[in-house]
Amino acid sequence: DIVVAAVGRAHMVPKSWLKEGCTVIDVGINSVDAPDTKRGYRLVGDVNYAEAKEVAEWITPVPGGVGPMTIAMLLRNTMNSWKRYSSQA
């Protein structure tokens, strides 16, 4: 199974929702209070990573998981749009 979580709610997906050996793609990024950190918060995903890593075969981290791919595709789409626009001018 492949689970893609993009709900915008920190730790919404618990271990009990996942099948043993699944792949988890956590698209969500949420800030939660963390007074012990310099910024006072930390970034977490929509999946409870600590629980999910016990059952998932593969899981994307937050931060640093799908974010770089999102940025790369945004830049690619921006370039494609510019090429289409400039060829019409």
PDB file of N, CA and C in Angstrom:
ATOM      1  N   ASP A   1       0.829  -1.187   0.000  1.00  0.00           N
ATOM      2  CA  ASP A   1       0.000   0.000   0.000  1.00  0.00           C
ATOM      3  C   ASP A   1       0.870   1.247   0.000  1.00  0.00           C
ATOM      4  N   ILE A   2       0.353   2.304  -0.595  1.00  0.00           N
ATOM      5  CA  ILE A   2       0.998   3.602  -0.583  1.00  0.00           C
ATOM      6  C   ILE A   2       0.032   4.585   0.060  1.00  0.00           C
ATOM      7  N   VAL A   3       0.492   5.291   1.078  1.00  0.00           N
ATOM      8  CA  VAL A   3      -0.318   6.284   1.762  1.00  0.00           C
ATOM      9  C   VAL A   3       0.298   7.651   1.497  1.00  0.00           C
ATOM     10  N   VAL A   4      -0.518   8.562   0.959  1.00  0.00           N
ATOM     11  CA  VAL A   4      -0.077   9.936   0.742  1.00  0.00           C
ATOM     12  C   VAL A   4      -0.899  10.808   1.686  1.00  0.00           C
ATOM     13  N   ALA A   5      -0.232  11.433   2.644  1.00  0.00           N
ATOM     14  CA  ALA A   5      -0.921  12.263   3.633  1.00  0.00           C
ATOM     15  C   ALA A   5      -0.693  13.733   3.317  1.00  0.00           C
ATOM     16  N   ALA A   6      -1.793  14.445   3.097  1.00  0.00           N
ATOM     17  CA  ALA A   6      -1.727  15.879   2.798  1.00  0.00           C
ATOM     18  C   ALA A   6      -2.977  16.544   3.357  1.00  0.00           C
ATOM     19  N   VAL A   7      -3.117  16.514   4.675  1.00  0.00           N
ATOM     20  CA  VAL A   7      -4.330  17.029   5.308  1.00  0.00           C
ATOM     21  C   VAL A   7      -4.136  18.334   6.050  1.00  0.00           C
ATOM     22  N   GLY A   8      -2.894  18.708   6.331  1.00  0.00           N
ATOM     23  CA  GLY A   8      -2.636  19.965   7.010  1.00  0.00           C
ATOM     24  C   GLY A   8      -2.893  19.929   8.507  1.00  0.00           C
ATOM     25  N   ARG A   9      -2.713  18.757   9.103  1.00  0.00           N
ATOM     26  CA  ARG A   9      -2.933  18.608  10.541  1.00  0.00           C
ATOM     27  C   ARG A   9      -1.803  17.771  11.130  1.00  0.00           C
ATOM     28  N   ALA A  10      -1.078  18.326  12.064  1.00  0.00           N
ATOM     29  CA  ALA A  10       0.088  17.662  12.639  1.00  0.00           C
ATOM     30  C   ALA A  10      -0.265  16.313  13.262  1.00  0.00           C
ATOM     31  N   HIS A  11       0.493  15.295  12.868  1.00  0.00           N
ATOM     32  CA  HIS A  11       0.390  13.935  13.430  1.00  0.00           C
ATOM     33  C   HIS A  11      -1.007  13.330  13.339  1.00  0.00           C
ATOM     34  N   MET A  12      -1.770  13.686  12.343  1.00  0.00           N
ATOM     35  CA  MET A  12      -3.133  13.168  12.227  1.00  0.00           C
ATOM     36  C   MET A  12      -3.169  11.666  11.925  1.00  0.00           C
ATOM     37  N   VAL A  13      -2.187  11.180  11.174  1.00  0.00           N
ATOM     38  CA  VAL A  13      -2.188   9.773  10.763  1.00  0.00           C
ATOM     39  C   VAL A  13      -1.372   8.953  11.768  1.00  0.00           C
ATOM     40  N   PRO A  14      -2.053   8.106  12.569  1.00  0.00           N
ATOM     41  CA  PRO A  14      -1.347   7.279  13.544  1.00  0.00           C
ATOM     42  C   PRO A  14      -0.911   5.940  12.950  1.00  0.00           C
ATOM     43  N   LYS A  15      -0.111   5.237  13.680  1.00  0.00           N
ATOM     44  CA  LYS A  15       0.382   3.914  13.283  1.00  0.00           C
ATOM     45  C   LYS A  15      -0.767   2.947  12.981  1.00  0.00           C
ATOM     46  N   SER A  16      -1.849   3.046  13.738  1.00  0.00           N
ATOM     47  CA  SER A  16      -2.967   2.109  13.589  1.00  0.00           C
ATOM     48  C   SER A  16      -3.662   2.210  12.230  1.00  0.00           C
ATOM     49  N   TRP A  17      -3.457   3.300  11.508  1.00  0.00           N
ATOM     50  CA  TRP A  17      -4.061   3.472  10.186  1.00  0.00           C
ATOM     51  C   TRP A  17      -3.229   2.848   9.071  1.00  0.00           C
ATOM     52  N   LEU A  18      -2.036   2.385   9.396  1.00  0.00           N
ATOM     53  CA  LEU A  18      -1.097   1.936   8.381  1.00  0.00           C
ATOM     54  C   LEU A  18      -0.928   0.419   8.401  1.00  0.00           C
ATOM     55  N   LYS A  19      -0.748  -0.150   7.204  1.00  0.00           N
ATOM     56  CA  LYS A  19      -0.453  -1.571   7.072  1.00  0.00           C
ATOM     57  C   LYS A  19       1.042  -1.807   7.215  1.00  0.00           C
ATOM     58  N   GLU A  20       1.389  -2.944   7.756  1.00  0.00           N
ATOM     59  CA  GLU A  20       2.790  -3.348   7.853  1.00  0.00           C
ATOM     60  C   GLU A  20       3.413  -3.357   6.454  1.00  0.00           C
ATOM     61  N   GLY A  21       4.574  -2.714   6.305  1.00  0.00           N
ATOM     62  CA  GLY A  21       5.289  -2.714   5.035  1.00  0.00           C
ATOM     63  C   GLY A  21       4.848  -1.670   4.037  1.00  0.00           C
ATOM     64  N   CYS A  22       3.970  -0.757   4.431  1.00  0.00           N
ATOM     65  CA  CYS A  22       3.471   0.252   3.493  1.00  0.00           C
ATOM     66  C   CYS A  22       4.540   1.313   3.203  1.00  0.00           C
ATOM     67  N   THR A  23       4.253   2.120   2.197  1.00  0.00           N
ATOM     68  CA  THR A  23       5.079   3.279   1.864  1.00  0.00           C
ATOM     69  C   THR A  23       4.285   4.518   2.233  1.00  0.00           C
ATOM     70  N   VAL A  24       4.900   5.431   2.973  1.00  0.00           N
ATOM     71  CA  VAL A  24       4.211   6.641   3.418  1.00  0.00           C
ATOM     72  C   VAL A  24       4.892   7.865   2.816  1.00  0.00           C
ATOM     73  N   ILE A  25       4.104   8.668   2.111  1.00  0.00           N
ATOM     74  CA  ILE A  25       4.581   9.930   1.553  1.00  0.00           C
ATOM     75  C   ILE A  25       3.857  11.036   2.313  1.00  0.00           C
ATOM     76  N   ASP A  26       4.585  11.713   3.174  1.00  0.00           N
ATOM     77  CA  ASP A  26       4.010  12.755   4.017  1.00  0.00           C
ATOM     78  C   ASP A  26       4.241  14.108   3.360  1.00  0.00           C
ATOM     79  N   VAL A  27       3.173  14.676   2.816  1.00  0.00           N
ATOM     80  CA  VAL A  27       3.248  15.938   2.102  1.00  0.00           C
ATOM     81  C   VAL A  27       3.042  17.123   3.042  1.00  0.00           C
ATOM     82  N   GLY A  28       2.407  16.880   4.168  1.00  0.00           N
ATOM     83  CA  GLY A  28       2.076  17.957   5.101  1.00  0.00           C
ATOM     84  C   GLY A  28       3.286  18.554   5.785  1.00  0.00           C
ATOM     85  N   ILE A  29       3.164  19.824   6.126  1.00  0.00           N
ATOM     86  CA  ILE A  29       4.193  20.485   6.934  1.00  0.00           C
ATOM     87  C   ILE A  29       3.473  21.407   7.908  1.00  0.00           C
ATOM     88  N   ASN A  30       3.697  21.150   9.176  1.00  0.00           N
ATOM     89  CA  ASN A  30       3.002  21.868  10.240  1.00  0.00           C
ATOM     90  C   ASN A  30       4.014  22.296  11.291  1.00  0.00           C
ATOM     91  N   SER A  31       3.787  23.435  11.911  1.00  0.00           N
ATOM     92  CA  SER A  31       4.658  23.846  13.011  1.00  0.00           C
ATOM     93  C   SER A  31       3.950  23.539  14.324  1.00  0.00           C
ATOM     94  N   VAL A  32       4.710  22.990  15.246  1.00  0.00           N
ATOM     95  CA  VAL A  32       4.189  22.695  16.585  1.00  0.00           C
ATOM     96  C   VAL A  32       5.101  23.367  17.601  1.00  0.00           C
ATOM     97  N   ASP A  33       4.521  23.770  18.718  1.00  0.00           N
ATOM     98  CA  ASP A  33       5.300  24.427  19.762  1.00  0.00           C
ATOM     99  C   ASP A  33       6.408  23.513  20.261  1.00  0.00           C
ATOM    100  N   ALA A  34       7.587  24.079  20.419  1.00  0.00           N
ATOM    101  CA  ALA A  34       8.745  23.369  20.958  1.00  0.00           C
ATOM    102  C   ALA A  34       9.601  24.389  21.695  1.00  0.00           C
ATOM    103  N   PRO A  35       9.218  24.712  22.929  1.00  0.00           N
ATOM    104  CA  PRO A  35       9.917  25.761  23.676  1.00  0.00           C
ATOM    105  C   PRO A  35      11.402  25.478  23.900  1.00  0.00           C
ATOM    106  N   ASP A  36      11.799  24.218  23.800  1.00  0.00           N
ATOM    107  CA  ASP A  36      13.200  23.859  24.014  1.00  0.00           C
ATOM    108  C   ASP A  36      14.082  24.150  22.799  1.00  0.00           C
ATOM    109  N   THR A  37      13.485  24.568  21.682  1.00  0.00           N
ATOM    110  CA  THR A  37      14.264  24.875  20.482  1.00  0.00           C
ATOM    111  C   THR A  37      14.496  26.376  20.375  1.00  0.00           C
ATOM    112  N   LYS A  38      15.472  26.751  19.574  1.00  0.00           N
ATOM    113  CA  LYS A  38      15.828  28.154  19.391  1.00  0.00           C
ATOM    114  C   LYS A  38      14.660  28.976  18.834  1.00  0.00           C
ATOM    115  N   ARG A  39      13.944  28.411  17.881  1.00  0.00           N
ATOM    116  CA  ARG A  39      12.837  29.125  17.237  1.00  0.00           C
ATOM    117  C   ARG A  39      11.537  29.069  18.042  1.00  0.00           C
ATOM    118  N   GLY A  40      11.452  28.114  18.946  1.00  0.00           N
ATOM    119  CA  GLY A  40      10.223  27.969  19.727  1.00  0.00           C
ATOM    120  C   GLY A  40       9.190  27.064  19.072  1.00  0.00           C
ATOM    121  N   TYR A  41       9.537  26.510  17.921  1.00  0.00           N
ATOM    122  CA  TYR A  41       8.655  25.574  17.230  1.00  0.00           C
ATOM    123  C   TYR A  41       9.509  24.590  16.437  1.00  0.00           C
ATOM    124  N   ARG A  42       8.868  23.509  15.981  1.00  0.00           N
ATOM    125  CA  ARG A  42       9.533  22.584  15.074  1.00  0.00           C
ATOM    126  C   ARG A  42       8.526  22.158  14.019  1.00  0.00           C
ATOM    127  N   LEU A  43       9.045  21.717  12.895  1.00  0.00           N
ATOM    128  CA  LEU A  43       8.194  21.308  11.787  1.00  0.00           C
ATOM    129  C   LEU A  43       7.953  19.804  11.844  1.00  0.00           C
ATOM    130  N   VAL A  44       6.705  19.415  11.670  1.00  0.00           N
ATOM    131  CA  VAL A  44       6.318  18.006  11.644  1.00  0.00           C
ATOM    132  C   VAL A  44       5.345  17.779  10.497  1.00  0.00           C
ATOM    133  N   GLY A  45       5.162  16.536  10.153  1.00  0.00           N
ATOM    134  CA  GLY A  45       4.249  16.194   9.069  1.00  0.00           C
ATOM    135  C   GLY A  45       2.858  15.841   9.554  1.00  0.00           C
ATOM    136  N   ASP A  46       2.036  15.399   8.623  1.00  0.00           N
ATOM    137  CA  ASP A  46       0.682  14.960   8.941  1.00  0.00           C
ATOM    138  C   ASP A  46       0.669  13.553   9.527  1.00  0.00           C
ATOM    139  N   VAL A  47       1.762  12.829   9.319  1.00  0.00           N
ATOM    140  CA  VAL A  47       1.886  11.458   9.828  1.00  0.00           C
ATOM    141  C   VAL A  47       2.701  11.489  11.116  1.00  0.00           C
ATOM    142  N   ASN A  48       2.283  10.706  12.091  1.00  0.00           N
ATOM    143  CA  ASN A  48       3.064  10.577  13.324  1.00  0.00           C
ATOM    144  C   ASN A  48       4.285   9.731  12.996  1.00  0.00           C
ATOM    145  N   TYR A  49       5.383  10.398  12.689  1.00  0.00           N
ATOM    146  CA  TYR A  49       6.587   9.738  12.179  1.00  0.00           C
ATOM    147  C   TYR A  49       7.124   8.695  13.155  1.00  0.00           C
ATOM    148  N   ALA A  50       7.172   9.029  14.432  1.00  0.00           N
ATOM    149  CA  ALA A  50       7.721   8.100  15.432  1.00  0.00           C
ATOM    150  C   ALA A  50       6.967   6.777  15.444  1.00  0.00           C
ATOM    151  N   GLU A  51       5.646   6.837  15.292  1.00  0.00           N
ATOM    152  CA  GLU A  51       4.841   5.614  15.249  1.00  0.00           C
ATOM    153  C   GLU A  51       4.943   4.930  13.887  1.00  0.00           C
ATOM    154  N   ALA A  52       4.816   5.718  12.821  1.00  0.00           N
ATOM    155  CA  ALA A  52       4.758   5.167  11.470  1.00  0.00           C
ATOM    156  C   ALA A  52       6.027   4.418  11.087  1.00  0.00           C
ATOM    157  N   LYS A  53       7.174   4.894  11.549  1.00  0.00           N
ATOM    158  CA  LYS A  53       8.427   4.244  11.167  1.00  0.00           C
ATOM    159  C   LYS A  53       8.529   2.816  11.707  1.00  0.00           C
ATOM    160  N   GLU A  54       7.686   2.476  12.678  1.00  0.00           N
ATOM    161  CA  GLU A  54       7.661   1.115  13.215  1.00  0.00           C
ATOM    162  C   GLU A  54       7.007   0.120  12.254  1.00  0.00           C
ATOM    163  N   VAL A  55       6.103   0.602  11.394  1.00  0.00           N
ATOM    164  CA  VAL A  55       5.385  -0.303  10.489  1.00  0.00           C
ATOM    165  C   VAL A  55       5.664  -0.051   9.014  1.00  0.00           C
ATOM    166  N   ALA A  56       6.055   1.157   8.669  1.00  0.00           N
ATOM    167  CA  ALA A  56       6.262   1.499   7.255  1.00  0.00           C
ATOM    168  C   ALA A  56       7.596   0.968   6.745  1.00  0.00           C
ATOM    169  N   GLU A  57       7.574   0.462   5.518  1.00  0.00           N
ATOM    170  CA  GLU A  57       8.807   0.035   4.849  1.00  0.00           C
ATOM    171  C   GLU A  57       9.621   1.262   4.448  1.00  0.00           C
ATOM    172  N   TRP A  58       8.916   2.286   3.917  1.00  0.00           N
ATOM    173  CA  TRP A  58       9.530   3.540   3.482  1.00  0.00           C
ATOM    174  C   TRP A  58       8.661   4.683   3.975  1.00  0.00           C
ATOM    175  N   ILE A  59       9.311   5.779   4.393  1.00  0.00           N
ATOM    176  CA  ILE A  59       8.560   6.960   4.836  1.00  0.00           C
ATOM    177  C   ILE A  59       9.392   8.211   4.547  1.00  0.00           C
ATOM    178  N   THR A  60       8.723   9.251   4.056  1.00  0.00           N
ATOM    179  CA  THR A  60       9.433  10.502   3.787  1.00  0.00           C
ATOM    180  C   THR A  60       9.518  11.310   5.072  1.00  0.00           C
ATOM    181  N   PRO A  61      10.654  11.955   5.308  1.00  0.00           N
ATOM    182  CA  PRO A  61      10.785  12.783   6.509  1.00  0.00           C
ATOM    183  C   PRO A  61      10.178  14.161   6.301  1.00  0.00           C
ATOM    184  N   VAL A  62       9.865  14.815   7.396  1.00  0.00           N
ATOM    185  CA  VAL A  62       9.421  16.213   7.359  1.00  0.00           C
ATOM    186  C   VAL A  62      10.221  16.939   8.429  1.00  0.00           C
ATOM    187  N   PRO A  63      10.923  18.005   8.076  1.00  0.00           N
ATOM    188  CA  PRO A  63      11.111  18.561   6.737  1.00  0.00           C
ATOM    189  C   PRO A  63      12.138  17.763   5.937  1.00  0.00           C
ATOM    190  N   GLY A  64      12.228  18.068   4.661  1.00  0.00           N
ATOM    191  CA  GLY A  64      13.245  17.479   3.805  1.00  0.00           C
ATOM    192  C   GLY A  64      12.782  16.336   2.930  1.00  0.00           C
ATOM    193  N   GLY A  65      11.522  16.000   2.979  1.00  0.00           N
ATOM    194  CA  GLY A  65      11.023  14.886   2.176  1.00  0.00           C
ATOM    195  C   GLY A  65      10.618  15.317   0.779  1.00  0.00           C
ATOM    196  N   VAL A  66       9.352  15.669   0.610  1.00  0.00           N
ATOM    197  CA  VAL A  66       8.843  16.014  -0.722  1.00  0.00           C
ATOM    198  C   VAL A  66       9.059  17.483  -1.079  1.00  0.00           C
ATOM    199  N   GLY A  67       9.452  18.304  -0.130  1.00  0.00           N
ATOM    200  CA  GLY A  67       9.647  19.738  -0.379  1.00  0.00           C
ATOM    201  C   GLY A  67      10.577  20.044  -1.534  1.00  0.00           C
ATOM    202  N   PRO A  68      11.778  19.454  -1.574  1.00  0.00           N
ATOM    203  CA  PRO A  68      12.677  19.728  -2.696  1.00  0.00           C
ATOM    204  C   PRO A  68      12.077  19.347  -4.057  1.00  0.00           C
ATOM    205  N   MET A  69      11.316  18.267  -4.114  1.00  0.00           N
ATOM    206  CA  MET A  69      10.670  17.863  -5.364  1.00  0.00           C
ATOM    207  C   MET A  69       9.572  18.851  -5.739  1.00  0.00           C
ATOM    208  N   THR A  70       8.842  19.334  -4.758  1.00  0.00           N
ATOM    209  CA  THR A  70       7.801  20.330  -5.018  1.00  0.00           C
ATOM    210  C   THR A  70       8.408  21.585  -5.634  1.00  0.00           C
ATOM    211  N   ILE A  71       9.508  22.048  -5.060  1.00  0.00           N
ATOM    212  CA  ILE A  71      10.178  23.246  -5.581  1.00  0.00           C
ATOM    213  C   ILE A  71      10.705  23.004  -6.989  1.00  0.00           C
ATOM    214  N   ALA A  72      11.304  21.838  -7.208  1.00  0.00           N
ATOM    215  CA  ALA A  72      11.832  21.521  -8.546  1.00  0.00           C
ATOM    216  C   ALA A  72      10.722  21.517  -9.588  1.00  0.00           C
ATOM    217  N   MET A  73       9.585  20.927  -9.263  1.00  0.00           N
ATOM    218  CA  MET A  73       8.483  20.878 -10.228  1.00  0.00           C
ATOM    219  C   MET A  73       7.853  22.256 -10.440  1.00  0.00           C
ATOM    220  N   LEU A  74       7.804  23.067  -9.390  1.00  0.00           N
ATOM    221  CA  LEU A  74       7.303  24.436  -9.532  1.00  0.00           C
ATOM    222  C   LEU A  74       8.194  25.223 -10.486  1.00  0.00           C
ATOM    223  N   LEU A  75       9.505  25.105 -10.321  1.00  0.00           N
ATOM    224  CA  LEU A  75      10.431  25.791 -11.228  1.00  0.00           C
ATOM    225  C   LEU A  75      10.298  25.276 -12.656  1.00  0.00           C
ATOM    226  N   ARG A  76      10.154  23.967 -12.802  1.00  0.00           N
ATOM    227  CA  ARG A  76       9.989  23.392 -14.147  1.00  0.00           C
ATOM    228  C   ARG A  76       8.727  23.933 -14.819  1.00  0.00           C
ATOM    229  N   ASN A  77       7.623  23.940 -14.071  1.00  0.00           N
ATOM    230  CA  ASN A  77       6.370  24.434 -14.637  1.00  0.00           C
ATOM    231  C   ASN A  77       6.446  25.924 -14.956  1.00  0.00           C
ATOM    232  N   THR A  78       7.158  26.683 -14.135  1.00  0.00           N
ATOM    233  CA  THR A  78       7.340  28.111 -14.401  1.00  0.00           C
ATOM    234  C   THR A  78       8.118  28.309 -15.699  1.00  0.00           C
ATOM    235  N   MET A  79       9.182  27.535 -15.881  1.00  0.00           N
ATOM    236  CA  MET A  79       9.965  27.628 -17.118  1.00  0.00           C
ATOM    237  C   MET A  79       9.133  27.219 -18.334  1.00  0.00           C
ATOM    238  N   ASN A  80       8.371  26.156 -18.210  1.00  0.00           N
ATOM    239  CA  ASN A  80       7.514  25.724 -19.325  1.00  0.00           C
ATOM    240  C   ASN A  80       6.502  26.807 -19.691  1.00  0.00           C
ATOM    241  N   SER A  81       5.923  27.451 -18.686  1.00  0.00           N
ATOM    242  CA  SER A  81       4.968  28.532 -18.946  1.00  0.00           C
ATOM    243  C   SER A  81       5.642  29.703 -19.647  1.00  0.00           C
ATOM    244  N   TRP A  82       6.845  30.064 -19.180  1.00  0.00           N
ATOM    245  CA  TRP A  82       7.581  31.166 -19.803  1.00  0.00           C
ATOM    246  C   TRP A  82       7.897  30.834 -21.260  1.00  0.00           C
ATOM    247  N   LYS A  83       8.320  29.592 -21.536  1.00  0.00           N
ATOM    248  CA  LYS A  83       8.636  29.193 -22.914  1.00  0.00           C
ATOM    249  C   LYS A  83       7.398  29.304 -23.803  1.00  0.00           C
ATOM    250  N   ARG A  84       6.241  28.842 -23.305  1.00  0.00           N
ATOM    251  CA  ARG A  84       5.021  28.932 -24.098  1.00  0.00           C
ATOM    252  C   ARG A  84       4.627  30.391 -24.336  1.00  0.00           C
ATOM    253  N   TYR A  85       4.735  31.188 -23.286  1.00  0.00           N
ATOM    254  CA  TYR A  85       4.393  32.607 -23.395  1.00  0.00           C
ATOM    255  C   TYR A  85       5.314  33.339 -24.368  1.00  0.00           C
ATOM    256  N   SER A  86       6.613  33.116 -24.231  1.00  0.00           N
ATOM    257  CA  SER A  86       7.575  33.844 -25.067  1.00  0.00           C
ATOM    258  C   SER A  86       7.517  33.416 -26.522  1.00  0.00           C
ATOM    259  N   SER A  87       7.086  32.219 -26.792  1.00  0.00           N
ATOM    260  CA  SER A  87       6.971  31.792 -28.193  1.00  0.00           C
ATOM    261  C   SER A  87       5.750  32.404 -28.888  1.00  0.00           C
ATOM    262  N   GLN A  88       4.813  32.923 -28.115  1.00  0.00           N
ATOM    263  CA  GLN A  88       3.613  33.566 -28.670  1.00  0.00           C
ATOM    264  C   GLN A  88       3.823  35.053 -28.914  1.00  0.00           C
ATOM    265  N   ALA A  89       4.813  35.615 -28.262  1.00  0.00           N
ATOM    266  CA  ALA A  89       5.020  37.071 -28.346  1.00  0.00           C
ATOM    267  C   ALA A  89       5.642  37.485 -29.668  1.00  0.00           C
TER     268      ALA A  89
END
